[in-house]
Amino acid sequence: RFGKHVPIRQEYHERIQKIVRIIGNDEISIFNYIDNVLNQHFEDFQEDIVKLYNEKNTDIF
């Protein structure tokens, strides 16, 4: 709702819906769930992402 629309696999959408509905007691949205998953992913892999980004990115000057 606050960002961009991104398509996800139907099977993942259905799985996330079940998680949110049952485990989350319908108290969190799919948006919040995915946002939390991405936040954790970036925390866990920040060093690797930065390293790979810097290896592939060259300055223009």
Protein backbone atom coordinates (compact mmCIF):
# COMPACT_ATOMS: atom_id res chain seq x y z
CA ARG A 1 0.00 0.00 0.00
CA PHE A 2 2.85 2.35 0.72
CA GLY A 3 5.32 1.16 -1.90
CA LYS A 4 5.46 -0.41 -5.31
CA HIS A 5 3.50 -3.39 -6.56
CA VAL A 6 5.67 -6.46 -6.95
CA PRO A 7 4.39 -9.74 -8.33
CA ILE A 8 5.09 -12.84 -6.27
CA ARG A 9 4.47 -16.49 -7.03
CA GLN A 10 0.93 -17.60 -6.33
CA GLU A 11 2.16 -20.43 -4.09
CA TYR A 12 4.16 -17.97 -1.98
CA HIS A 13 1.20 -15.61 -1.71
CA GLU A 14 -1.04 -18.44 -0.52
CA ARG A 15 1.59 -19.60 1.98
CA ILE A 16 2.07 -16.09 3.36
CA GLN A 17 -1.70 -15.62 3.62
CA LYS A 18 -1.93 -18.77 5.75
CA ILE A 19 0.95 -17.66 7.97
CA VAL A 20 -0.55 -14.20 8.48
CA ARG A 21 -4.04 -15.57 9.08
CA ILE A 22 -3.18 -18.43 11.42
CA ILE A 23 0.09 -17.59 13.14
CA GLY A 24 -0.37 -13.82 12.99
CA ASN A 25 -4.03 -14.01 14.06
CA ASP A 26 -4.87 -11.63 11.20
CA GLU A 27 -3.08 -8.91 13.17
CA ILE A 28 -0.40 -8.28 10.56
CA SER A 29 -0.74 -7.72 6.84
CA ILE A 30 1.03 -9.46 4.02
CA PHE A 31 2.87 -6.17 3.49
CA ASN A 32 4.14 -6.22 7.09
CA TYR A 33 5.17 -9.86 6.86
CA ILE A 34 7.15 -9.36 3.65
CA ASP A 35 8.66 -6.13 5.00
CA ASN A 36 9.88 -8.00 8.10
CA VAL A 37 11.29 -10.85 6.01
CA LEU A 38 13.19 -8.41 3.78
CA ASN A 39 14.44 -6.45 6.78
CA GLN A 40 15.85 -9.64 8.32
CA HIS A 41 17.36 -10.68 4.97
CA PHE A 42 19.19 -7.36 4.62
CA GLU A 43 20.45 -7.56 8.21
CA ASP A 44 21.70 -11.13 7.71
CA PHE A 45 23.33 -10.55 4.32
CA GLN A 46 24.31 -6.87 4.38
CA GLU A 47 28.05 -7.55 4.29
CA ASP A 48 27.73 -9.98 1.38
CA ILE A 49 25.44 -7.64 -0.54
CA VAL A 50 27.78 -4.66 -0.09
CA LYS A 51 30.79 -6.75 -1.07
CA LEU A 52 29.17 -8.07 -4.25
CA TYR A 53 27.77 -4.65 -5.11
CA ASN A 54 31.20 -3.02 -4.75
CA GLU A 55 32.83 -5.75 -6.85
CA LYS A 56 30.43 -5.14 -9.72
CA ASN A 57 30.02 -1.37 -9.42
CA THR A 58 32.66 0.92 -10.86
CA ASP A 59 32.79 4.67 -10.45
CA ILE A 60 32.07 6.72 -13.54
CA PHE A 61 35.05 9.02 -12.88
